[in-house]
Amino acid sequence: MPKTKTELARQIGLVTATAVVVGSMIGSGIFKKPALMAAQLGSTRLLMLVWVLAGFLTLFGALTNAEIGGIFPATGGQYFFFNKIYGKFFAFIFGWAIFSVVQTGSIGSIAYIFGESAGRLIDLPKFSPATEVAWVIHLPFIGNIFPLADIGTKLMAIALMGFLTFINVLGLLLGAGVQNTLTFLKLVAIGIIILFAVFAPMGTIHHFSETLISAPQGSFAIFAAFIGAMSGAFWAYDGWNNVTFIAGEIKDPQKNLPRALFLGTAIVIAVYVLINLAYIFVLPIQDLVHSKLVASDMAKLSMGQVGEKLVIIAILLSTFGSCNGSLMTSARVYFAMARENMFFPSIGVVSAKHKTPANSLILQFFWSSLLVLSGTFDMLTDMLIFVTWIFYGMGALGVFILRRRMPDIERPYKVWGYPYVPIIFIISAAIFLIQTLYNDITHYINGTSPLINSVFGLVLVLAGTPLYFYFKSKGGCGTSEGGYTS
């Protein structure tokens, strides 16, 4: 790589790296998903088991990826890892998935939820029902999209993404400062909600043994429901790997990256388990499964109208911070791709003034905004959960490949419990993928879904193959070391 290129500098310490992990993971899922999961399982005991098990599997994934992150602490994270382990094509497909839908769709989805929550506090503009459906765009195999629907919420989401993009273009430390502040505030807000639930007069431990009459019966039905609920928990826990994308900007990454992954994931597990205990303590399972926003209903019972407002504020803080963490880190993937001539060259340019991947951040903002306007990001990200877990599983498998291929390379951190921890994670990922595929095929055969979502998600990702050959023909060489300075 030419020495004349301006590089990204290592400016992130352990506290900020941990805040990125926590802030990226805690979004809106923990406030909304428990109701659907409780309905799927029909048992509060199983609900808690899902949150604990999904948390430990997430931690196993984080610990496993931390070993590779310690070996290759480069900007782009998993993109760079996959390039080293599986080659350029697999790495490009991962990067393409991250850009096209996985991360940009996630950023748009989080920002949209921020807009929805803001609409509970202030009146947002809205077109008449007739105007909302006046402009319709049909996408083959996906359906109709209505850009004018919920325009106020969409504009609020785009404004949030625009503001955070501007902040992160101005400097990494500024964006990191915002992340640290928001992570602290969201943890305080959640702590207050939990504290009031503990002293709620209607709370009772009897709720922890409740089971619905409609709960699944039989081993296979319970297992299928358990996997379905795990999907919701995994969605809430997702984002733990985002910090690897900024590995090239972390100080002493061989030590701080594994520590941040462990500490951040452990903090989130503790928060999620505690707040779910609070939900169940206050709400009987019949109320839990019918709740549209379980945190709000629980807080309203324990604190009154003040509690309801506090939950909205907590959601705003959580989605604000999660959006910032995802937006700040994900742009480094496209930046790393461009540095290897596997994406548009201008995206690999570092702002000489601010030392940030400004063009990558701006491109990400515009594409995420289009996904928000389309309103299809939820459908697309649901399809790509299947693909995301393929990448997670392959990342864990990479530990074994590197141990065999590079036995003598320095490993500042070796995954705890090797080989059992990565094996457990890989097997769990495989079970999750197989059951998800089975469920999707069943829904398609039964007519409850127009597509086999997991297969179509895989097709969407592989649709980037022509772009791979295009960029390769333009000189993609994979010689970059991640675009950072020591």
Protein backbone atom coordinates (compact mmCIF):
# COMPACT_ATOMS: atom_id res chain seq x y z
CA MET A 1 0.00 0.00 0.00
CA PRO A 2 1.44 3.40 -0.95
CA LYS A 3 2.92 5.26 1.97
CA THR A 4 1.33 8.50 0.80
CA LYS A 5 -2.07 7.28 1.94
CA THR A 6 -3.45 8.87 5.08
CA GLU A 7 -4.12 6.15 7.64
CA LEU A 8 -6.47 5.61 10.57
CA ALA A 9 -4.80 6.03 13.96
CA ARG A 10 -5.12 3.96 17.14
CA GLN A 11 -7.13 6.18 19.49
CA ILE A 12 -9.58 3.81 21.23
CA GLY A 13 -8.88 2.49 24.73
CA LEU A 14 -10.40 -0.41 26.66
CA VAL A 15 -13.26 1.61 28.19
CA THR A 16 -14.46 2.92 24.83
CA ALA A 17 -14.01 -0.46 23.13
CA THR A 18 -16.15 -2.04 25.85
CA ALA A 19 -18.72 0.74 25.48
CA VAL A 20 -18.86 -0.02 21.75
CA VAL A 21 -19.64 -3.68 22.51
CA VAL A 22 -22.31 -2.84 25.10
CA GLY A 23 -23.75 0.07 23.12
CA SER A 24 -23.96 -1.88 19.88
CA MET A 25 -25.69 -4.84 21.54
CA ILE A 26 -28.30 -3.08 23.69
CA GLY A 27 -30.77 -1.57 21.25
CA SER A 28 -34.53 -2.08 21.24
CA GLY A 29 -34.73 -5.88 21.28
CA ILE A 30 -34.61 -6.27 25.04
CA PHE A 31 -37.63 -3.96 25.41
CA LYS A 32 -39.81 -5.69 22.81
CA LYS A 33 -38.70 -9.29 22.11
CA PRO A 34 -39.53 -10.94 25.48
CA ALA A 35 -43.29 -10.80 24.79
CA LEU A 36 -43.02 -12.72 21.49
CA MET A 37 -40.53 -15.15 23.01
CA ALA A 38 -42.84 -15.82 25.96
CA ALA A 39 -45.72 -16.48 23.56
CA GLN A 40 -43.58 -18.95 21.61
CA LEU A 41 -42.44 -20.83 24.71
CA GLY A 42 -45.48 -20.50 26.97
CA SER A 43 -43.25 -20.81 30.03
CA THR A 44 -41.39 -18.22 32.10
CA ARG A 45 -38.80 -20.81 33.12
CA LEU A 46 -38.02 -21.61 29.50
CA LEU A 47 -37.92 -17.88 28.73
CA MET A 48 -35.19 -17.31 31.30
CA LEU A 49 -33.33 -20.41 30.10
CA VAL A 50 -33.32 -19.01 26.55
CA TRP A 51 -31.87 -15.67 27.66
CA VAL A 52 -29.15 -17.34 29.73
CA LEU A 53 -28.25 -19.94 27.10
CA ALA A 54 -28.25 -17.44 24.23
CA GLY A 55 -26.07 -15.17 26.36
CA PHE A 56 -23.48 -17.85 27.04
CA LEU A 57 -23.43 -18.93 23.38
CA THR A 58 -22.90 -15.30 22.41
CA LEU A 59 -20.07 -15.10 24.93
CA PHE A 60 -18.53 -18.28 23.47
CA GLY A 61 -18.68 -16.66 20.03
CA ALA A 62 -17.08 -13.48 21.33
CA LEU A 63 -14.28 -15.37 23.12
CA THR A 64 -13.61 -17.44 20.01
CA ASN A 65 -13.44 -14.45 17.68
CA ALA A 66 -11.25 -12.62 20.20
CA GLU A 67 -8.39 -15.06 19.48
CA ILE A 68 -8.43 -14.19 15.79
CA GLY A 69 -8.84 -10.51 16.60
CA GLY A 70 -5.70 -10.66 18.73
CA ILE A 71 -3.74 -12.20 15.86
CA PHE A 72 -5.01 -9.79 13.19
CA PRO A 73 -5.94 -6.48 14.88
CA ALA A 74 -6.78 -4.72 11.62
CA THR A 75 -9.52 -2.36 10.51
CA GLY A 76 -12.37 -4.28 8.93
CA GLY A 77 -12.44 -7.00 11.58
CA GLN A 78 -14.11 -10.14 10.28
CA TYR A 79 -13.65 -9.04 6.67
CA PHE A 80 -9.90 -9.03 7.22
CA PHE A 81 -10.08 -12.33 9.18
CA PHE A 82 -12.02 -14.09 6.42
CA ASN A 83 -9.58 -12.82 3.80
CA LYS A 84 -6.72 -14.44 5.69
CA ILE A 85 -8.58 -17.66 6.46
CA TYR A 86 -10.85 -18.39 3.48
CA GLY A 87 -9.61 -16.10 0.74
CA LYS A 88 -10.81 -13.03 -1.10
CA PHE A 89 -14.12 -14.31 -2.46
CA PHE A 90 -15.54 -15.37 0.90
CA ALA A 91 -14.29 -12.14 2.48
CA PHE A 92 -15.89 -10.07 -0.28
CA ILE A 93 -19.23 -11.85 0.04
CA PHE A 94 -19.13 -11.12 3.78
CA GLY A 95 -18.31 -7.46 3.15
CA TRP A 96 -20.99 -7.20 0.48
CA ALA A 97 -23.58 -8.69 2.85
CA ILE A 98 -22.55 -6.21 5.55
CA PHE A 99 -22.91 -3.27 3.16
CA SER A 100 -25.95 -4.29 1.15
CA VAL A 101 -28.27 -5.24 4.01
CA VAL A 102 -26.87 -6.75 7.22
CA GLN A 103 -25.36 -3.65 8.85
CA THR A 104 -26.96 -0.89 6.78
CA GLY A 105 -30.34 -2.56 7.27
CA SER A 106 -29.64 -2.95 10.98
CA ILE A 107 -28.65 0.73 11.28
CA GLY A 108 -31.83 1.73 9.44
CA SER A 109 -33.97 -0.55 11.59
CA ILE A 110 -32.52 0.81 14.84
CA ALA A 111 -32.93 4.40 13.64
CA TYR A 112 -36.52 3.66 12.60
CA ILE A 113 -37.32 2.37 16.09
CA PHE A 114 -35.78 5.58 17.46
CA GLY A 115 -38.19 7.51 15.23
CA GLU A 116 -41.15 5.42 16.39
CA SER A 117 -40.23 6.02 20.03
CA ALA A 118 -39.75 9.75 19.44
CA GLY A 119 -43.25 9.77 17.96
CA ARG A 120 -44.59 8.69 21.36
CA LEU A 121 -43.27 11.93 22.86
CA ILE A 122 -43.80 14.40 20.02
CA ASP A 123 -46.18 14.59 17.06
CA LEU A 124 -44.42 13.66 13.84
CA PRO A 125 -45.75 14.65 10.39
CA LYS A 126 -47.82 12.06 8.57
CA PHE A 127 -49.49 11.91 5.18
CA SER A 128 -53.12 10.89 4.76
CA PRO A 129 -53.73 7.16 4.16
CA ALA A 130 -54.53 7.87 0.51
CA THR A 131 -51.29 9.79 -0.02
CA GLU A 132 -49.21 7.13 1.76
CA VAL A 133 -50.23 4.51 -0.80
CA ALA A 134 -50.27 6.86 -3.79
CA TRP A 135 -46.63 6.04 -4.62
CA VAL A 136 -45.94 2.33 -4.74
CA ILE A 137 -42.85 0.52 -6.00
CA HIS A 138 -42.97 -3.20 -6.70
CA LEU A 139 -39.86 -5.27 -6.08
CA PRO A 140 -39.93 -8.82 -7.53
CA PHE A 141 -39.85 -11.57 -4.87
CA ILE A 142 -39.99 -8.94 -2.09
CA GLY A 143 -43.29 -7.15 -2.55
CA ASN A 144 -44.63 -3.60 -2.67
CA ILE A 145 -42.92 -0.73 -0.88
CA PHE A 146 -44.51 2.58 0.04
CA PRO A 147 -41.86 5.32 0.45
CA LEU A 148 -44.41 7.88 1.72
CA ALA A 149 -45.81 5.67 4.48
CA ASP A 150 -44.90 6.76 8.03
CA ILE A 151 -42.92 9.63 6.54
CA GLY A 152 -42.44 11.41 9.87
CA THR A 153 -40.87 8.36 11.49
CA LYS A 154 -38.66 7.79 8.44
CA LEU A 155 -37.48 11.40 8.36
CA MET A 156 -36.67 11.25 12.08
CA ALA A 157 -34.67 8.06 11.46
CA ILE A 158 -32.79 9.65 8.58
CA ALA A 159 -32.11 12.78 10.66
CA LEU A 160 -30.63 10.62 13.44
CA MET A 161 -28.40 8.75 11.00
CA GLY A 162 -27.35 12.02 9.38
CA PHE A 163 -26.44 13.59 12.71
CA LEU A 164 -24.44 10.57 13.87
CA THR A 165 -22.69 10.33 10.51
CA PHE A 166 -21.68 13.99 10.82
CA ILE A 167 -20.36 13.40 14.35
CA ASN A 168 -18.31 10.38 13.27
CA VAL A 169 -16.94 12.14 10.21
CA LEU A 170 -15.62 14.91 12.47
CA GLY A 171 -13.51 12.48 14.47
CA LEU A 172 -13.34 9.02 16.00
CA LEU A 173 -12.82 10.37 19.50
CA LEU A 174 -15.93 12.55 19.18
CA GLY A 175 -18.01 9.57 18.08
CA ALA A 176 -16.42 7.48 20.82
CA GLY A 177 -17.26 10.13 23.42
CA VAL A 178 -20.88 10.06 22.32
CA GLN A 179 -20.81 6.26 22.59
CA ASN A 180 -19.37 6.28 26.12
CA THR A 181 -21.96 8.82 27.32
CA LEU A 182 -24.94 7.05 25.76
CA THR A 183 -23.85 3.64 27.02
CA PHE A 184 -23.58 4.98 30.57
CA LEU A 185 -26.97 6.73 30.38
CA LYS A 186 -28.79 3.70 28.95
CA LEU A 187 -27.36 1.45 31.67
CA VAL A 188 -28.50 3.95 34.31
CA ALA A 189 -32.00 4.11 32.81
CA ILE A 190 -32.28 0.32 32.67
CA GLY A 191 -30.96 0.10 36.23
CA ILE A 192 -33.69 2.46 37.45
CA ILE A 193 -36.36 0.40 35.69
CA ILE A 194 -35.06 -2.80 37.31
CA LEU A 195 -34.80 -1.17 40.74
CA PHE A 196 -38.41 0.03 40.71
CA ALA A 197 -39.58 -3.41 39.55
CA VAL A 198 -37.94 -5.04 42.58
CA PHE A 199 -40.09 -2.92 44.92
CA ALA A 200 -43.28 -3.11 42.84
CA PRO A 201 -46.18 -4.13 45.14
CA MET A 202 -47.72 -6.40 42.51
CA GLY A 203 -44.48 -8.32 42.00
CA THR A 204 -44.41 -11.98 43.02
CA ILE A 205 -42.02 -14.90 42.63
CA HIS A 206 -44.97 -17.11 41.69
CA HIS A 207 -44.77 -15.65 38.18
CA PHE A 208 -41.51 -17.56 37.64
CA SER A 209 -43.31 -20.92 37.59
CA GLU A 210 -46.22 -19.97 35.32
CA THR A 211 -47.02 -21.89 32.15
CA LEU A 212 -49.64 -21.16 29.50
CA ILE A 213 -52.26 -23.75 28.64
CA SER A 214 -51.31 -23.18 25.00
CA ALA A 215 -47.62 -23.94 25.64
CA PRO A 216 -46.02 -26.33 23.10
CA GLN A 217 -46.43 -30.01 23.93
CA GLY A 218 -44.05 -32.78 22.95
CA SER A 219 -40.27 -32.76 22.60
CA PHE A 220 -40.09 -31.63 18.97
CA ALA A 221 -42.66 -28.86 19.40
CA ILE A 222 -40.85 -27.54 22.47
CA PHE A 223 -37.49 -27.74 20.66
CA ALA A 224 -38.86 -25.86 17.62
CA ALA A 225 -40.35 -23.18 19.89
CA PHE A 226 -37.08 -22.97 21.80
CA ILE A 227 -35.09 -22.37 18.58
CA GLY A 228 -37.62 -19.75 17.50
CA ALA A 229 -37.24 -17.95 20.82
CA MET A 230 -33.45 -18.26 20.59
CA SER A 231 -33.65 -16.36 17.30
CA GLY A 232 -35.25 -13.43 19.14
CA ALA A 233 -32.61 -13.57 21.87
CA PHE A 234 -29.78 -13.76 19.33
CA TRP A 235 -31.22 -10.69 17.61
CA ALA A 236 -31.14 -8.83 20.92
CA TYR A 237 -27.59 -10.01 21.64
CA ASP A 238 -26.37 -9.22 18.13
CA GLY A 239 -23.70 -6.57 17.57
CA TRP A 240 -21.01 -8.11 19.80
CA ASN A 241 -18.63 -8.47 16.84
CA ASN A 242 -18.91 -4.84 15.68
CA VAL A 243 -15.92 -3.80 17.77
CA THR A 244 -13.67 -6.02 15.63
CA PHE A 245 -14.38 -3.70 12.70
CA ILE A 246 -12.42 -0.93 14.44
CA ALA A 247 -9.60 -3.21 15.65
CA GLY A 248 -7.12 -1.13 13.64
CA GLU A 249 -7.98 1.91 15.76
CA ILE A 250 -7.78 0.27 19.21
CA LYS A 251 -4.74 0.89 21.38
CA ASP A 252 -2.85 -2.29 22.33
CA PRO A 253 -5.49 -4.34 20.46
CA GLN A 254 -3.90 -7.71 21.24
CA LYS A 255 -4.96 -7.19 24.87
CA ASN A 256 -7.80 -4.67 24.72
CA LEU A 257 -9.86 -6.29 21.95
CA PRO A 258 -10.33 -9.66 23.74
CA ARG A 259 -10.94 -7.85 27.04
CA ALA A 260 -13.56 -5.57 25.48
CA LEU A 261 -15.36 -8.51 23.86
CA PHE A 262 -15.45 -10.43 27.14
CA LEU A 263 -16.35 -7.52 29.42
CA GLY A 264 -18.93 -6.01 27.06
CA THR A 265 -20.70 -9.30 26.38
CA ALA A 266 -20.69 -10.23 30.08
CA ILE A 267 -22.22 -6.87 31.01
CA VAL A 268 -24.99 -7.29 28.45
CA ILE A 269 -25.77 -10.84 29.62
CA ALA A 270 -26.12 -9.56 33.19
CA VAL A 271 -28.35 -6.65 32.08
CA TYR A 272 -30.59 -8.85 29.95
CA VAL A 273 -31.03 -11.51 32.61
CA LEU A 274 -31.81 -8.92 35.30
CA ILE A 275 -34.35 -6.98 33.24
CA ASN A 276 -36.12 -10.19 32.18
CA LEU A 277 -36.31 -11.22 35.81
CA ALA A 278 -37.91 -7.83 36.45
CA TYR A 279 -40.43 -8.32 33.63
CA ILE A 280 -41.49 -11.72 34.95
CA PHE A 281 -41.55 -10.59 38.59
CA VAL A 282 -44.05 -7.81 37.82
CA LEU A 283 -46.09 -9.23 34.92
CA PRO A 284 -47.99 -12.54 34.93
CA ILE A 285 -47.30 -14.54 31.80
CA GLN A 286 -50.77 -13.81 30.36
CA ASP A 287 -49.99 -10.08 30.41
CA LEU A 288 -46.43 -10.64 29.22
CA VAL A 289 -47.37 -12.46 26.02
CA HIS A 290 -50.00 -9.87 25.04
CA SER A 291 -47.75 -6.87 25.64
CA LYS A 292 -46.77 -4.76 22.61
CA LEU A 293 -43.94 -3.12 24.57
CA VAL A 294 -43.25 -5.26 27.62
CA ALA A 295 -40.84 -2.80 29.27
CA SER A 296 -43.43 -0.02 29.07
CA ASP A 297 -46.22 -2.16 30.54
CA MET A 298 -43.98 -3.36 33.36
CA ALA A 299 -42.75 0.17 34.18
CA LYS A 300 -46.29 1.57 34.08
CA LEU A 301 -47.35 -0.94 36.72
CA SER A 302 -44.33 -0.34 38.95
CA MET A 303 -43.94 3.44 38.49
CA GLY A 304 -47.11 4.72 36.84
CA GLN A 305 -47.04 7.17 33.92
CA VAL A 306 -43.54 8.28 34.92
CA GLY A 307 -42.35 4.73 34.34
CA GLU A 308 -43.86 4.65 30.86
CA LYS A 309 -42.02 7.86 29.94
CA LEU A 310 -38.80 6.53 31.44
CA VAL A 311 -38.99 3.44 29.23
CA ILE A 312 -39.44 5.60 26.14
CA ILE A 313 -36.39 7.62 27.17
CA ALA A 314 -34.46 4.39 27.78
CA ILE A 315 -35.40 3.14 24.30
CA LEU A 316 -34.35 6.47 22.77
CA LEU A 317 -30.99 6.30 24.56
CA SER A 318 -30.51 2.64 23.65
CA THR A 319 -31.35 3.03 19.97
CA PHE A 320 -29.35 6.27 19.76
CA GLY A 321 -26.28 4.53 21.21
CA SER A 322 -26.76 1.30 19.28
CA CYS A 323 -27.16 3.21 16.02
CA ASN A 324 -24.00 5.21 16.76
CA GLY A 325 -21.99 2.09 17.61
CA SER A 326 -23.12 0.21 14.49
CA LEU A 327 -22.71 3.23 12.23
CA MET A 328 -19.22 4.05 13.56
CA THR A 329 -17.86 0.51 13.27
CA SER A 330 -19.55 -0.84 10.12
CA ALA A 331 -18.16 1.85 7.84
CA ARG A 332 -14.68 0.43 8.53
CA VAL A 333 -15.60 -2.78 6.65
CA TYR A 334 -16.30 -1.03 3.35
CA PHE A 335 -13.23 1.12 3.98
CA ALA A 336 -11.07 -2.01 4.37
CA MET A 337 -12.56 -3.51 1.20
CA ALA A 338 -11.74 -0.37 -0.77
CA ARG A 339 -8.19 -0.36 0.60
CA GLU A 340 -7.75 -3.77 -0.99
CA ASN A 341 -9.22 -2.51 -4.28
CA MET A 342 -12.29 -4.68 -3.71
CA PHE A 343 -14.71 -1.75 -3.49
CA PHE A 344 -14.99 1.74 -4.94
CA PRO A 345 -11.56 3.42 -4.48
CA SER A 346 -12.96 6.66 -3.04
CA ILE A 347 -14.47 4.71 -0.12
CA GLY A 348 -10.94 3.83 1.03
CA VAL A 349 -9.89 7.47 1.40
CA VAL A 350 -9.17 8.78 4.90
CA SER A 351 -10.04 12.39 5.66
CA ALA A 352 -6.68 14.11 6.07
CA LYS A 353 -8.21 16.61 8.49
CA HIS A 354 -10.32 14.36 10.68
CA LYS A 355 -8.51 11.00 10.24
CA THR A 356 -11.82 9.21 9.64
CA PRO A 357 -13.17 7.13 6.71
CA ALA A 358 -15.50 9.99 5.81
CA ASN A 359 -16.53 8.74 2.36
CA SER A 360 -17.38 5.30 3.70
CA LEU A 361 -19.51 6.84 6.45
CA ILE A 362 -21.35 9.07 3.96
CA LEU A 363 -22.02 6.21 1.52
CA GLN A 364 -23.35 4.14 4.41
CA PHE A 365 -25.68 6.98 5.42
CA PHE A 366 -27.19 7.33 1.95
CA TRP A 367 -27.72 3.59 1.46
CA SER A 368 -29.22 3.17 4.95
CA SER A 369 -31.53 6.12 4.24
CA LEU A 370 -32.77 4.44 1.06
CA LEU A 371 -33.49 1.26 3.02
CA VAL A 372 -35.42 3.31 5.59
CA LEU A 373 -37.50 5.00 2.89
CA SER A 374 -38.19 1.64 1.27
CA GLY A 375 -39.45 0.20 4.54
CA THR A 376 -38.09 -3.21 3.51
CA PHE A 377 -35.13 -3.40 5.88
CA ASP A 378 -36.96 -5.51 8.48
CA MET A 379 -37.87 -8.11 5.85
CA LEU A 380 -34.38 -8.13 4.39
CA THR A 381 -32.56 -8.34 7.72
CA ASP A 382 -34.87 -11.19 8.80
CA MET A 383 -33.86 -13.04 5.65
CA LEU A 384 -30.19 -12.45 6.34
CA ILE A 385 -30.17 -13.66 9.96
CA PHE A 386 -29.55 -17.07 8.44
CA VAL A 387 -26.55 -15.77 6.46
CA THR A 388 -25.21 -13.86 9.46
CA TRP A 389 -25.00 -17.04 11.49
CA ILE A 390 -23.17 -18.80 8.67
CA PHE A 391 -20.50 -16.12 9.01
CA TYR A 392 -20.47 -16.46 12.81
CA GLY A 393 -19.98 -20.22 12.54
CA MET A 394 -17.27 -19.87 9.91
CA GLY A 395 -15.50 -17.31 12.09
CA ALA A 396 -15.34 -19.82 14.95
CA LEU A 397 -14.17 -22.57 12.58
CA GLY A 398 -11.37 -20.23 11.53
CA VAL A 399 -9.75 -20.65 14.96
CA PHE A 400 -9.12 -24.34 14.22
CA ILE A 401 -7.87 -23.59 10.71
CA LEU A 402 -5.40 -20.97 11.95
CA ARG A 403 -4.18 -23.22 14.80
CA ARG A 404 -3.29 -25.79 12.15
CA ARG A 405 -2.09 -23.43 9.41
CA MET A 406 -0.19 -20.98 11.64
CA PRO A 407 0.80 -22.96 14.75
CA ASP A 408 3.78 -20.73 15.57
CA ILE A 409 2.18 -17.32 15.12
CA GLU A 410 1.99 -15.22 18.28
CA ARG A 411 -1.39 -15.49 19.98
CA PRO A 412 -1.71 -12.74 22.63
CA TYR A 413 -5.02 -14.32 23.62
CA LYS A 414 -6.02 -17.96 23.28
CA VAL A 415 -9.69 -18.80 23.53
CA TRP A 416 -10.59 -20.06 26.97
CA GLY A 417 -11.76 -23.67 27.03
CA TYR A 418 -10.27 -24.59 23.65
CA PRO A 419 -11.33 -26.70 21.82
CA TYR A 420 -14.65 -27.12 23.65
CA VAL A 421 -15.84 -23.49 23.64
CA PRO A 422 -15.48 -22.98 19.85
CA ILE A 423 -16.84 -26.49 19.16
CA ILE A 424 -19.94 -25.80 21.26
CA PHE A 425 -20.45 -22.51 19.43
CA ILE A 426 -20.03 -24.11 15.99
CA ILE A 427 -22.44 -26.97 16.80
CA SER A 428 -24.97 -24.50 18.22
CA ALA A 429 -24.70 -22.34 15.11
CA ALA A 430 -25.22 -25.42 12.91
CA ILE A 431 -28.31 -26.51 14.89
CA PHE A 432 -29.71 -22.99 14.71
CA LEU A 433 -29.15 -22.83 10.94
CA ILE A 434 -30.68 -26.25 10.26
CA GLN A 435 -33.75 -25.56 12.39
CA THR A 436 -34.17 -22.10 10.85
CA LEU A 437 -34.03 -23.60 7.36
CA TYR A 438 -36.54 -26.27 8.38
CA ASN A 439 -38.90 -23.67 9.84
CA ASP A 440 -38.63 -21.46 6.74
CA ILE A 441 -39.37 -24.39 4.40
CA THR A 442 -42.33 -25.39 6.60
CA HIS A 443 -43.74 -21.85 6.52
CA TYR A 444 -43.35 -21.77 2.73
CA ILE A 445 -45.06 -25.14 2.23
CA ASN A 446 -47.89 -24.12 4.57
CA GLY A 447 -48.38 -20.89 2.64
CA THR A 448 -47.58 -18.64 5.61
CA SER A 449 -44.55 -17.18 3.80
CA PRO A 450 -44.22 -16.34 0.08
CA LEU A 451 -40.50 -17.20 0.18
CA ILE A 452 -38.07 -19.55 1.84
CA ASN A 453 -36.51 -16.60 3.66
CA SER A 454 -33.19 -18.19 4.55
CA VAL A 455 -32.57 -19.44 1.00
CA PHE A 456 -33.60 -16.14 -0.54
CA GLY A 457 -31.29 -14.32 1.87
CA LEU A 458 -28.43 -16.50 0.68
CA VAL A 459 -29.32 -15.71 -2.94
CA LEU A 460 -29.32 -11.97 -2.17
CA VAL A 461 -25.82 -12.20 -0.74
CA LEU A 462 -24.49 -14.33 -3.60
CA ALA A 463 -25.92 -11.75 -6.01
CA GLY A 464 -22.80 -9.74 -5.16
CA THR A 465 -20.65 -12.30 -7.01
CA PRO A 466 -20.52 -10.30 -10.29
CA LEU A 467 -19.24 -7.31 -8.33
CA TYR A 468 -16.47 -9.46 -6.90
CA PHE A 469 -15.22 -10.33 -10.37
CA TYR A 470 -15.60 -6.70 -11.46
CA PHE A 471 -13.44 -5.37 -8.64
CA LYS A 472 -10.99 -8.23 -9.03
CA SER A 473 -10.57 -7.33 -12.70
CA LYS A 474 -9.81 -3.76 -11.61
CA GLY A 475 -6.82 -4.90 -9.59
CA GLY A 476 -8.15 -6.22 -6.28
CA CYS A 477 -5.03 -7.66 -4.69
CA GLY A 478 -5.70 -8.03 -0.97
CA THR A 479 -2.42 -6.48 0.11
CA SER A 480 -3.83 -4.07 2.65
CA GLU A 481 -3.09 -4.58 6.32
CA GLY A 482 -6.28 -2.93 7.36
CA GLY A 483 -5.50 0.75 6.94
CA TYR A 484 -4.18 1.91 10.27
CA THR A 485 -1.09 3.40 11.84
CA SER A 486 0.70 2.18 14.91
